[in-house]
Every structure is written in C-alpha cells, then in structure tokens.
Amino acid sequence: MCMALLPEWDMFGQGVAAGIVGLVVLLIDVIVWRRLEGKEPIKVSGKTVVSVIVGVLGALLFGVGMCLSMVLDKMILGIVIGFVGIFILLMLIPITKGIRD
C-alpha cells in the first residue's frame, strides 16, 4: 500500500501490481491449503459474501486511518477513521459466529 500511496516514491503502478499479485497468491494458497487438509471448497453463500465485504471494508478503513495518522499528519481524523475500521472488524465476530444467549 505504501508503494501505491506515497507520491514521493512515484511507484503507484508497481504498488498496485504487487497488491494484485499478493491477492492472487493468497487465493491460490487458500485453495491449495484446503485441498491438502482434505476440506471441501468454500461454499459461496450470502453470509460468506457479507463477511468478506465487511472484512475488506474494515481493513481498508483501518489502513486509511493509519495512513492519515502517520503519513498525512491528520492525527485526529486518522484515529477516528481507524476506530471505525476496528469497530467494523469487530462486527465480523457476530456475523460469522452468531450471537448466542
């Protein structure tokens, strides 16, 4: 992310390419790991899609908050956005596990 977001480095294209390669490697890793463990492929359901969207949104907001705080010197705004990202990531627990009495 820093490669793509820091204008001083002038490496936006390389940063995006490295991020895409990283995502592809992680997806291949999940597929290979599940096969080696003898597990069935991940079933795509509404709950899975919502979990992925919430996780990506929370991680992006958390990262934006860190960038605002550390790189752009907008400390208060970065902290607020970072806490929103943390809260969204914490929402993954009841989404995936459910709320039990």
N, C-alpha and C. Protein backbone atom coordinates (compact mmCIF):
# COMPACT_ATOMS: atom_id res chain seq x y z
N MET A 1 0.82 -1.19 0.00
CA MET A 1 0.00 0.00 0.00
C MET A 1 0.86 1.26 0.00
N CYS A 2 1.96 1.23 0.75
CA CYS A 2 2.81 2.42 0.79
C CYS A 2 3.40 2.71 -0.58
N MET A 3 3.74 1.66 -1.32
CA MET A 3 4.29 1.88 -2.66
C MET A 3 3.29 2.63 -3.53
N ALA A 4 2.01 2.33 -3.39
CA ALA A 4 1.00 2.94 -4.23
C ALA A 4 0.55 4.30 -3.71
N LEU A 5 0.62 4.51 -2.40
CA LEU A 5 0.02 5.72 -1.83
C LEU A 5 0.99 6.87 -1.58
N LEU A 6 2.28 6.60 -1.50
CA LEU A 6 3.22 7.68 -1.22
C LEU A 6 3.68 8.32 -2.52
N PRO A 7 3.30 9.58 -2.75
CA PRO A 7 3.69 10.22 -4.01
C PRO A 7 5.19 10.43 -4.13
N GLU A 8 5.90 10.49 -3.00
CA GLU A 8 7.35 10.70 -3.06
C GLU A 8 8.05 9.52 -3.72
N TRP A 9 7.48 8.34 -3.58
CA TRP A 9 8.12 7.15 -4.13
C TRP A 9 7.85 6.99 -5.62
N ASP A 10 6.76 7.58 -6.11
CA ASP A 10 6.38 7.53 -7.53
C ASP A 10 6.34 6.09 -8.04
N MET A 11 5.65 5.21 -7.29
CA MET A 11 5.57 3.79 -7.65
C MET A 11 4.14 3.29 -7.59
N PHE A 12 3.18 4.11 -8.04
CA PHE A 12 1.78 3.72 -7.95
C PHE A 12 1.50 2.45 -8.75
N GLY A 13 1.96 2.40 -9.99
CA GLY A 13 1.71 1.22 -10.84
C GLY A 13 2.32 -0.04 -10.27
N GLN A 14 3.56 0.06 -9.79
CA GLN A 14 4.22 -1.10 -9.21
C GLN A 14 3.52 -1.55 -7.92
N GLY A 15 3.04 -0.59 -7.12
CA GLY A 15 2.33 -0.92 -5.89
C GLY A 15 1.03 -1.65 -6.15
N VAL A 16 0.28 -1.17 -7.14
CA VAL A 16 -0.98 -1.83 -7.49
C VAL A 16 -0.70 -3.24 -8.03
N ALA A 17 0.31 -3.36 -8.88
CA ALA A 17 0.67 -4.68 -9.42
C ALA A 17 1.10 -5.64 -8.30
N ALA A 18 1.90 -5.16 -7.36
CA ALA A 18 2.33 -6.01 -6.25
C ALA A 18 1.13 -6.42 -5.39
N GLY A 19 0.18 -5.53 -5.18
CA GLY A 19 -1.02 -5.86 -4.41
C GLY A 19 -1.87 -6.92 -5.11
N ILE A 20 -2.02 -6.80 -6.42
CA ILE A 20 -2.80 -7.78 -7.18
C ILE A 20 -2.12 -9.14 -7.15
N VAL A 21 -0.80 -9.15 -7.34
CA VAL A 21 -0.05 -10.42 -7.28
C VAL A 21 -0.21 -11.05 -5.89
N GLY A 22 -0.14 -10.23 -4.85
CA GLY A 22 -0.31 -10.74 -3.49
C GLY A 22 -1.68 -11.36 -3.28
N LEU A 23 -2.73 -10.71 -3.79
CA LEU A 23 -4.08 -11.27 -3.66
C LEU A 23 -4.22 -12.60 -4.40
N VAL A 24 -3.66 -12.69 -5.60
CA VAL A 24 -3.73 -13.93 -6.36
C VAL A 24 -3.00 -15.05 -5.63
N VAL A 25 -1.82 -14.74 -5.09
CA VAL A 25 -1.06 -15.76 -4.34
C VAL A 25 -1.84 -16.22 -3.11
N LEU A 26 -2.48 -15.30 -2.41
CA LEU A 26 -3.27 -15.69 -1.24
C LEU A 26 -4.47 -16.57 -1.61
N LEU A 27 -5.13 -16.24 -2.72
CA LEU A 27 -6.26 -17.07 -3.15
C LEU A 27 -5.79 -18.47 -3.54
N ILE A 28 -4.68 -18.57 -4.24
CA ILE A 28 -4.14 -19.88 -4.59
C ILE A 28 -3.74 -20.63 -3.33
N ASP A 29 -3.18 -19.92 -2.36
CA ASP A 29 -2.77 -20.54 -1.10
C ASP A 29 -3.97 -21.14 -0.37
N VAL A 30 -5.09 -20.43 -0.35
CA VAL A 30 -6.28 -20.94 0.32
C VAL A 30 -6.78 -22.21 -0.38
N ILE A 31 -6.80 -22.19 -1.69
CA ILE A 31 -7.27 -23.36 -2.44
C ILE A 31 -6.37 -24.57 -2.18
N VAL A 32 -5.06 -24.38 -2.26
CA VAL A 32 -4.11 -25.47 -2.04
C VAL A 32 -4.21 -25.97 -0.60
N TRP A 33 -4.29 -25.07 0.37
CA TRP A 33 -4.36 -25.47 1.77
C TRP A 33 -5.60 -26.31 2.05
N ARG A 34 -6.75 -25.89 1.50
CA ARG A 34 -7.98 -26.65 1.73
C ARG A 34 -7.90 -28.04 1.10
N ARG A 35 -7.26 -28.16 -0.06
CA ARG A 35 -7.09 -29.47 -0.68
C ARG A 35 -6.17 -30.35 0.14
N LEU A 36 -5.08 -29.79 0.64
CA LEU A 36 -4.14 -30.57 1.44
C LEU A 36 -4.78 -31.04 2.75
N GLU A 37 -5.67 -30.25 3.31
CA GLU A 37 -6.34 -30.62 4.55
C GLU A 37 -7.54 -31.55 4.31
N GLY A 38 -7.87 -31.79 3.05
CA GLY A 38 -8.99 -32.66 2.74
C GLY A 38 -10.34 -32.02 2.97
N LYS A 39 -10.39 -30.71 2.97
CA LYS A 39 -11.65 -29.99 3.19
C LYS A 39 -12.30 -29.69 1.84
N GLU A 40 -13.61 -29.54 1.88
CA GLU A 40 -14.32 -29.21 0.65
C GLU A 40 -14.12 -27.72 0.33
N PRO A 41 -14.30 -27.35 -0.93
CA PRO A 41 -14.14 -25.93 -1.30
C PRO A 41 -15.13 -25.04 -0.54
N ILE A 42 -14.77 -23.79 -0.42
CA ILE A 42 -15.63 -22.83 0.28
C ILE A 42 -16.91 -22.62 -0.52
N LYS A 43 -18.03 -22.76 0.15
CA LYS A 43 -19.32 -22.53 -0.50
C LYS A 43 -19.64 -21.05 -0.43
N VAL A 44 -20.00 -20.50 -1.57
CA VAL A 44 -20.33 -19.08 -1.62
C VAL A 44 -21.81 -18.92 -1.24
N SER A 45 -22.03 -18.29 -0.11
CA SER A 45 -23.39 -18.02 0.35
C SER A 45 -23.50 -16.53 0.67
N GLY A 46 -24.67 -16.12 1.03
CA GLY A 46 -24.87 -14.72 1.39
C GLY A 46 -24.04 -14.32 2.60
N LYS A 47 -23.96 -15.22 3.58
CA LYS A 47 -23.18 -14.96 4.79
C LYS A 47 -21.69 -14.80 4.46
N THR A 48 -21.19 -15.64 3.55
CA THR A 48 -19.79 -15.54 3.15
C THR A 48 -19.51 -14.22 2.44
N VAL A 49 -20.38 -13.83 1.54
CA VAL A 49 -20.20 -12.58 0.80
C VAL A 49 -20.23 -11.38 1.75
N VAL A 50 -21.19 -11.37 2.67
CA VAL A 50 -21.28 -10.26 3.64
C VAL A 50 -20.04 -10.23 4.52
N SER A 51 -19.57 -11.39 4.95
CA SER A 51 -18.37 -11.44 5.79
C SER A 51 -17.15 -10.88 5.07
N VAL A 52 -17.00 -11.24 3.80
CA VAL A 52 -15.86 -10.74 3.03
C VAL A 52 -15.97 -9.23 2.84
N ILE A 53 -17.15 -8.75 2.51
CA ILE A 53 -17.32 -7.31 2.29
C ILE A 53 -17.05 -6.53 3.57
N VAL A 54 -17.57 -7.01 4.70
CA VAL A 54 -17.35 -6.32 5.98
C VAL A 54 -15.87 -6.36 6.35
N GLY A 55 -15.22 -7.49 6.14
CA GLY A 55 -13.79 -7.60 6.44
C GLY A 55 -12.94 -6.68 5.59
N VAL A 56 -13.22 -6.63 4.30
CA VAL A 56 -12.45 -5.74 3.41
C VAL A 56 -12.70 -4.29 3.76
N LEU A 57 -13.94 -3.92 4.01
CA LEU A 57 -14.26 -2.54 4.37
C LEU A 57 -13.57 -2.13 5.67
N GLY A 58 -13.62 -3.00 6.68
CA GLY A 58 -12.98 -2.70 7.95
C GLY A 58 -11.48 -2.56 7.82
N ALA A 59 -10.85 -3.47 7.06
CA ALA A 59 -9.41 -3.39 6.87
C ALA A 59 -9.00 -2.14 6.10
N LEU A 60 -9.78 -1.78 5.09
CA LEU A 60 -9.47 -0.56 4.33
C LEU A 60 -9.62 0.69 5.20
N LEU A 61 -10.67 0.76 5.98
CA LEU A 61 -10.84 1.92 6.85
C LEU A 61 -9.74 2.00 7.90
N PHE A 62 -9.36 0.86 8.45
CA PHE A 62 -8.27 0.83 9.42
C PHE A 62 -6.97 1.30 8.77
N GLY A 63 -6.70 0.84 7.56
CA GLY A 63 -5.49 1.26 6.85
C GLY A 63 -5.50 2.73 6.48
N VAL A 64 -6.66 3.24 6.06
CA VAL A 64 -6.77 4.67 5.75
C VAL A 64 -6.53 5.49 6.99
N GLY A 65 -7.07 5.05 8.11
CA GLY A 65 -6.83 5.76 9.37
C GLY A 65 -5.35 5.80 9.74
N MET A 66 -4.66 4.67 9.55
CA MET A 66 -3.22 4.64 9.84
C MET A 66 -2.45 5.56 8.90
N CYS A 67 -2.81 5.55 7.62
CA CYS A 67 -2.13 6.43 6.66
C CYS A 67 -2.36 7.89 6.99
N LEU A 68 -3.60 8.24 7.35
CA LEU A 68 -3.88 9.63 7.71
C LEU A 68 -3.08 10.05 8.93
N SER A 69 -2.96 9.15 9.90
CA SER A 69 -2.25 9.49 11.13
C SER A 69 -0.75 9.59 10.92
N MET A 70 -0.19 8.62 10.23
CA MET A 70 1.27 8.53 10.16
C MET A 70 1.88 9.25 8.97
N VAL A 71 1.17 9.33 7.86
CA VAL A 71 1.77 9.89 6.65
C VAL A 71 1.31 11.32 6.40
N LEU A 72 0.04 11.57 6.56
CA LEU A 72 -0.52 12.87 6.17
C LEU A 72 -0.69 13.84 7.34
N ASP A 73 -0.25 13.48 8.53
CA ASP A 73 -0.32 14.34 9.71
C ASP A 73 -1.73 14.84 10.02
N LYS A 74 -2.70 14.01 9.82
CA LYS A 74 -4.09 14.32 10.21
C LYS A 74 -4.46 13.34 11.33
N MET A 75 -3.91 13.60 12.50
CA MET A 75 -3.95 12.64 13.60
C MET A 75 -5.37 12.35 14.08
N ILE A 76 -6.15 13.38 14.36
CA ILE A 76 -7.49 13.17 14.92
C ILE A 76 -8.39 12.44 13.93
N LEU A 77 -8.40 12.89 12.68
CA LEU A 77 -9.21 12.24 11.65
C LEU A 77 -8.76 10.80 11.44
N GLY A 78 -7.46 10.56 11.45
CA GLY A 78 -6.93 9.21 11.29
C GLY A 78 -7.33 8.29 12.42
N ILE A 79 -7.29 8.81 13.63
CA ILE A 79 -7.68 8.00 14.79
C ILE A 79 -9.17 7.65 14.72
N VAL A 80 -9.99 8.63 14.37
CA VAL A 80 -11.45 8.39 14.29
C VAL A 80 -11.74 7.35 13.21
N ILE A 81 -11.15 7.49 12.03
CA ILE A 81 -11.40 6.53 10.95
C ILE A 81 -10.83 5.16 11.32
N GLY A 82 -9.68 5.12 11.99
CA GLY A 82 -9.11 3.86 12.44
C GLY A 82 -10.02 3.14 13.43
N PHE A 83 -10.60 3.88 14.36
CA PHE A 83 -11.53 3.27 15.31
C PHE A 83 -12.80 2.77 14.63
N VAL A 84 -13.25 3.48 13.61
CA VAL A 84 -14.41 2.99 12.84
C VAL A 84 -14.04 1.68 12.15
N GLY A 85 -12.84 1.60 11.59
CA GLY A 85 -12.38 0.36 10.98
C GLY A 85 -12.28 -0.78 11.97
N ILE A 86 -11.77 -0.50 13.17
CA ILE A 86 -11.69 -1.53 14.21
C ILE A 86 -13.09 -2.00 14.61
N PHE A 87 -14.02 -1.06 14.76
CA PHE A 87 -15.39 -1.42 15.11
C PHE A 87 -16.02 -2.31 14.04
N ILE A 88 -15.80 -1.96 12.77
CA ILE A 88 -16.35 -2.77 11.68
C ILE A 88 -15.71 -4.16 11.68
N LEU A 89 -14.41 -4.24 11.95
CA LEU A 89 -13.76 -5.55 12.03
C LEU A 89 -14.30 -6.36 13.21
N LEU A 90 -14.62 -5.71 14.31
CA LEU A 90 -15.21 -6.42 15.45
C LEU A 90 -16.61 -6.93 15.14
N MET A 91 -17.29 -6.29 14.18
CA MET A 91 -18.61 -6.77 13.77
C MET A 91 -18.53 -8.12 13.08
N LEU A 92 -17.35 -8.51 12.64
CA LEU A 92 -17.20 -9.82 12.00
C LEU A 92 -17.48 -10.96 12.97
N ILE A 93 -17.23 -10.76 14.26
CA ILE A 93 -17.43 -11.82 15.24
C ILE A 93 -18.90 -12.24 15.29
N PRO A 94 -19.85 -11.31 15.49
CA PRO A 94 -21.25 -11.77 15.49
C PRO A 94 -21.74 -12.20 14.11
N ILE A 95 -21.16 -11.66 13.04
CA ILE A 95 -21.59 -12.06 11.70
C ILE A 95 -21.20 -13.51 11.44
N THR A 96 -19.97 -13.88 11.79
CA THR A 96 -19.51 -15.23 11.49
C THR A 96 -19.91 -16.26 12.54
N LYS A 97 -19.83 -15.91 13.80
CA LYS A 97 -20.14 -16.86 14.88
C LYS A 97 -21.59 -16.81 15.31
N GLY A 98 -22.23 -15.66 15.14
CA GLY A 98 -23.60 -15.51 15.61
C GLY A 98 -23.61 -15.08 17.06
N ILE A 99 -24.76 -14.64 17.50
CA ILE A 99 -24.92 -14.23 18.90
C ILE A 99 -25.74 -15.30 19.60
N ARG A 100 -25.12 -15.89 20.62
CA ARG A 100 -25.80 -16.96 21.37
C ARG A 100 -26.09 -16.47 22.79
N ASP A 101 -27.20 -16.88 23.32
CA ASP A 101 -27.56 -16.48 24.68
C ASP A 101 -26.83 -17.29 25.70
